[in-house]
Amino acid sequence: MNPQDMKQVMEALQNAASKVELEPAPGMGNLIKITTQFRDRNGSPFAFYAYTRGKRKKIFLTDAGLILGTLQKSGMGLQMGLVQSLLRTYGLMFTQEGVVIDQSDRSIEERVTSLFQAWCAADGVLRTWTRQEG
């Protein structure tokens, strides 16, 4: 590839990554929903939520149960230990309510990237499982 081709690919990726929608979650305090243009195997957009607690400056991230919900809807018999292991590889954890959260001290960019990668990994597990079952 020549430099012009590489630049074109880089600009396309930057453009795709910059297309996100932010919207307040009604009745949920300062929680906002971030929806990307990237889609899972069912055509649903990858989305996550960000919020702060009280007067703390730290921004917390969560999937609000979307990853677990997607896995459960697939009919996939889940072993929570396996899902926990997958999430831990991205520095994330499941709460007892089945919500993925990131409250680490990493930069917000690293935490957003990890949450998105976990979404992609869960989607990949579903794609693989669906192909094997079908």
C-alpha atoms as a PDB file:
ATOM      1  CA  MET A   1       0.000   0.000   0.000  1.00  0.00           C
ATOM      2  CA  ASN A   2       1.206   3.457  -0.758  1.00  0.00           C
ATOM      3  CA  PRO A   3       1.071   6.346   1.760  1.00  0.00           C
ATOM      4  CA  GLN A   4      -2.112   7.721   0.170  1.00  0.00           C
ATOM      5  CA  ASP A   5      -3.879   4.358   0.628  1.00  0.00           C
ATOM      6  CA  MET A   6      -2.743   4.141   4.251  1.00  0.00           C
ATOM      7  CA  LYS A   7      -3.956   7.670   4.902  1.00  0.00           C
ATOM      8  CA  GLN A   8      -7.336   6.828   3.383  1.00  0.00           C
ATOM      9  CA  VAL A   9      -7.723   3.769   5.630  1.00  0.00           C
ATOM     10  CA  MET A  10      -6.634   5.735   8.713  1.00  0.00           C
ATOM     11  CA  GLU A  11      -9.106   8.536   7.973  1.00  0.00           C
ATOM     12  CA  ALA A  12     -11.939   6.045   7.422  1.00  0.00           C
ATOM     13  CA  LEU A  13     -11.252   4.404  10.789  1.00  0.00           C
ATOM     14  CA  GLN A  14     -11.023   7.756  12.571  1.00  0.00           C
ATOM     15  CA  ASN A  15     -14.277   8.830  10.948  1.00  0.00           C
ATOM     16  CA  ALA A  16     -16.059   5.608  11.938  1.00  0.00           C
ATOM     17  CA  ALA A  17     -14.768   5.785  15.510  1.00  0.00           C
ATOM     18  CA  SER A  18     -15.844   9.405  15.885  1.00  0.00           C
ATOM     19  CA  LYS A  19     -19.499   8.703  15.055  1.00  0.00           C
ATOM     20  CA  VAL A  20     -21.054   8.180  18.461  1.00  0.00           C
ATOM     21  CA  GLU A  21     -24.317   9.344  19.959  1.00  0.00           C
ATOM     22  CA  LEU A  22     -24.513  10.596  23.523  1.00  0.00           C
ATOM     23  CA  GLU A  23     -27.853  10.793  25.265  1.00  0.00           C
ATOM     24  CA  PRO A  24     -28.964  11.132  28.869  1.00  0.00           C
ATOM     25  CA  ALA A  25     -30.644   8.062  30.330  1.00  0.00           C
ATOM     26  CA  PRO A  26     -34.029   9.377  31.565  1.00  0.00           C
ATOM     27  CA  GLY A  27     -34.619   8.932  35.276  1.00  0.00           C
ATOM     28  CA  MET A  28     -31.092   7.631  35.831  1.00  0.00           C
ATOM     29  CA  GLY A  29     -29.407  10.705  37.302  1.00  0.00           C
ATOM     30  CA  ASN A  30     -26.202  11.656  35.549  1.00  0.00           C
ATOM     31  CA  LEU A  31     -25.966   8.440  33.517  1.00  0.00           C
ATOM     32  CA  ILE A  32     -25.374   8.914  29.797  1.00  0.00           C
ATOM     33  CA  LYS A  33     -25.675   6.318  27.054  1.00  0.00           C
ATOM     34  CA  ILE A  34     -22.935   6.183  24.441  1.00  0.00           C
ATOM     35  CA  THR A  35     -23.951   4.418  21.237  1.00  0.00           C
ATOM     36  CA  THR A  36     -21.362   3.617  18.580  1.00  0.00           C
ATOM     37  CA  GLN A  37     -21.966   2.878  14.926  1.00  0.00           C
ATOM     38  CA  PHE A  38     -20.299  -0.525  15.346  1.00  0.00           C
ATOM     39  CA  ARG A  39     -22.785  -3.395  15.371  1.00  0.00           C
ATOM     40  CA  ASP A  40     -22.987  -6.864  16.875  1.00  0.00           C
ATOM     41  CA  ARG A  41     -23.974 -10.018  15.034  1.00  0.00           C
ATOM     42  CA  ASN A  42     -27.672  -9.127  15.350  1.00  0.00           C
ATOM     43  CA  GLY A  43     -27.239  -5.626  13.973  1.00  0.00           C
ATOM     44  CA  SER A  44     -27.600  -3.933  17.361  1.00  0.00           C
ATOM     45  CA  PRO A  45     -25.161  -1.098  18.024  1.00  0.00           C
ATOM     46  CA  PHE A  46     -22.461  -1.526  20.629  1.00  0.00           C
ATOM     47  CA  ALA A  47     -23.435   0.791  23.483  1.00  0.00           C
ATOM     48  CA  PHE A  48     -22.247   1.496  26.994  1.00  0.00           C
ATOM     49  CA  TYR A  49     -22.931   3.956  29.795  1.00  0.00           C
ATOM     50  CA  ALA A  50     -20.825   6.474  31.699  1.00  0.00           C
ATOM     51  CA  TYR A  51     -21.576   8.132  35.022  1.00  0.00           C
ATOM     52  CA  THR A  52     -20.050   9.768  38.060  1.00  0.00           C
ATOM     53  CA  ARG A  53     -20.859   9.182  41.705  1.00  0.00           C
ATOM     54  CA  GLY A  54     -21.512  12.089  44.009  1.00  0.00           C
ATOM     55  CA  LYS A  55     -18.787  14.686  43.977  1.00  0.00           C
ATOM     56  CA  ARG A  56     -16.106  12.316  42.760  1.00  0.00           C
ATOM     57  CA  LYS A  57     -14.402  13.324  39.535  1.00  0.00           C
ATOM     58  CA  LYS A  58     -13.862   9.756  38.364  1.00  0.00           C
ATOM     59  CA  ILE A  59     -15.945   8.577  35.416  1.00  0.00           C
ATOM     60  CA  PHE A  60     -17.304   5.044  35.767  1.00  0.00           C
ATOM     61  CA  LEU A  61     -18.216   2.867  32.790  1.00  0.00           C
ATOM     62  CA  THR A  62     -20.740   0.052  32.525  1.00  0.00           C
ATOM     63  CA  ASP A  63     -22.560  -2.017  29.963  1.00  0.00           C
ATOM     64  CA  ALA A  64     -25.726  -1.932  32.150  1.00  0.00           C
ATOM     65  CA  GLY A  65     -26.096  -5.684  31.687  1.00  0.00           C
ATOM     66  CA  LEU A  66     -26.054  -5.624  27.885  1.00  0.00           C
ATOM     67  CA  ILE A  67     -23.210  -8.128  27.412  1.00  0.00           C
ATOM     68  CA  LEU A  68     -24.733 -10.710  29.735  1.00  0.00           C
ATOM     69  CA  GLY A  69     -28.190 -10.067  28.268  1.00  0.00           C
ATOM     70  CA  THR A  70     -26.887 -10.670  24.759  1.00  0.00           C
ATOM     71  CA  LEU A  71     -25.184 -13.895  25.804  1.00  0.00           C
ATOM     72  CA  GLN A  72     -28.295 -15.125  27.620  1.00  0.00           C
ATOM     73  CA  LYS A  73     -30.635 -14.280  24.720  1.00  0.00           C
ATOM     74  CA  SER A  74     -28.549 -16.460  22.467  1.00  0.00           C
ATOM     75  CA  GLY A  75     -29.578 -19.501  24.485  1.00  0.00           C
ATOM     76  CA  MET A  76     -25.949 -20.186  25.172  1.00  0.00           C
ATOM     77  CA  GLY A  77     -25.469 -22.182  28.365  1.00  0.00           C
ATOM     78  CA  LEU A  78     -23.132 -19.849  30.203  1.00  0.00           C
ATOM     79  CA  GLN A  79     -20.564 -20.673  32.761  1.00  0.00           C
ATOM     80  CA  MET A  80     -20.135 -17.448  34.686  1.00  0.00           C
ATOM     81  CA  GLY A  81     -16.563 -18.339  35.587  1.00  0.00           C
ATOM     82  CA  LEU A  82     -15.693 -18.455  31.903  1.00  0.00           C
ATOM     83  CA  VAL A  83     -17.337 -15.077  31.254  1.00  0.00           C
ATOM     84  CA  GLN A  84     -15.569 -13.586  34.296  1.00  0.00           C
ATOM     85  CA  SER A  85     -12.234 -14.846  32.963  1.00  0.00           C
ATOM     86  CA  LEU A  86     -12.908 -13.290  29.565  1.00  0.00           C
ATOM     87  CA  LEU A  87     -13.787  -9.945  31.134  1.00  0.00           C
ATOM     88  CA  ARG A  88     -10.799  -9.953  33.494  1.00  0.00           C
ATOM     89  CA  THR A  89      -8.499 -10.138  30.475  1.00  0.00           C
ATOM     90  CA  TYR A  90      -9.782  -6.641  29.681  1.00  0.00           C
ATOM     91  CA  GLY A  91      -9.554  -5.400  33.281  1.00  0.00           C
ATOM     92  CA  LEU A  92     -13.339  -5.572  33.725  1.00  0.00           C
ATOM     93  CA  MET A  93     -15.566  -7.390  36.175  1.00  0.00           C
ATOM     94  CA  PHE A  94     -19.145  -8.622  36.500  1.00  0.00           C
ATOM     95  CA  THR A  95     -21.188  -7.500  39.454  1.00  0.00           C
ATOM     96  CA  GLN A  96     -23.588  -9.944  41.091  1.00  0.00           C
ATOM     97  CA  GLU A  97     -26.370  -8.310  39.057  1.00  0.00           C
ATOM     98  CA  GLY A  98     -24.616  -9.306  35.819  1.00  0.00           C
ATOM     99  CA  VAL A  99     -23.425  -5.808  34.981  1.00  0.00           C
ATOM    100  CA  VAL A 100     -19.945  -5.269  33.558  1.00  0.00           C
ATOM    101  CA  ILE A 101     -18.136  -2.383  35.173  1.00  0.00           C
ATOM    102  CA  ASP A 102     -14.768  -0.726  34.969  1.00  0.00           C
ATOM    103  CA  GLN A 103     -13.757   1.325  37.950  1.00  0.00           C
ATOM    104  CA  SER A 104     -10.005   0.967  37.556  1.00  0.00           C
ATOM    105  CA  ASP A 105      -7.513   3.781  37.693  1.00  0.00           C
ATOM    106  CA  ARG A 106      -6.569   3.446  34.035  1.00  0.00           C
ATOM    107  CA  SER A 107      -7.141   6.411  31.738  1.00  0.00           C
ATOM    108  CA  ILE A 108     -10.662   6.906  30.422  1.00  0.00           C
ATOM    109  CA  GLU A 109      -9.397   6.103  26.914  1.00  0.00           C
ATOM    110  CA  GLU A 110      -7.972   2.765  28.075  1.00  0.00           C
ATOM    111  CA  ARG A 111     -11.176   1.908  29.939  1.00  0.00           C
ATOM    112  CA  VAL A 112     -13.455   2.772  26.995  1.00  0.00           C
ATOM    113  CA  THR A 113     -11.223   0.671  24.731  1.00  0.00           C
ATOM    114  CA  SER A 114     -11.356  -2.277  27.160  1.00  0.00           C
ATOM    115  CA  LEU A 115     -15.142  -2.141  27.401  1.00  0.00           C
ATOM    116  CA  PHE A 116     -15.468  -2.040  23.623  1.00  0.00           C
ATOM    117  CA  GLN A 117     -12.998  -4.926  23.242  1.00  0.00           C
ATOM    118  CA  ALA A 118     -14.975  -6.984  25.767  1.00  0.00           C
ATOM    119  CA  TRP A 119     -18.139  -6.341  23.744  1.00  0.00           C
ATOM    120  CA  CYS A 120     -16.355  -7.512  20.601  1.00  0.00           C
ATOM    121  CA  ALA A 121     -14.994 -10.596  22.384  1.00  0.00           C
ATOM    122  CA  ALA A 122     -18.447 -11.550  23.701  1.00  0.00           C
ATOM    123  CA  ASP A 123     -19.875 -11.062  20.222  1.00  0.00           C
ATOM    124  CA  GLY A 124     -17.099 -13.247  18.813  1.00  0.00           C
ATOM    125  CA  VAL A 125     -17.904 -15.994  21.325  1.00  0.00           C
ATOM    126  CA  LEU A 126     -21.534 -15.866  20.197  1.00  0.00           C
ATOM    127  CA  ARG A 127     -20.613 -15.975  16.518  1.00  0.00           C
ATOM    128  CA  THR A 128     -18.399 -19.013  17.092  1.00  0.00           C
ATOM    129  CA  TRP A 129     -20.961 -20.789  19.256  1.00  0.00           C
ATOM    130  CA  THR A 130     -23.774 -20.088  16.782  1.00  0.00           C
ATOM    131  CA  ARG A 131     -21.751 -21.520  13.887  1.00  0.00           C
ATOM    132  CA  GLN A 132     -20.942 -24.663  15.866  1.00  0.00           C
ATOM    133  CA  GLU A 133     -24.560 -25.165  16.935  1.00  0.00           C
ATOM    134  CA  GLY A 134     -26.004 -24.450  13.481  1.00  0.00           C
END
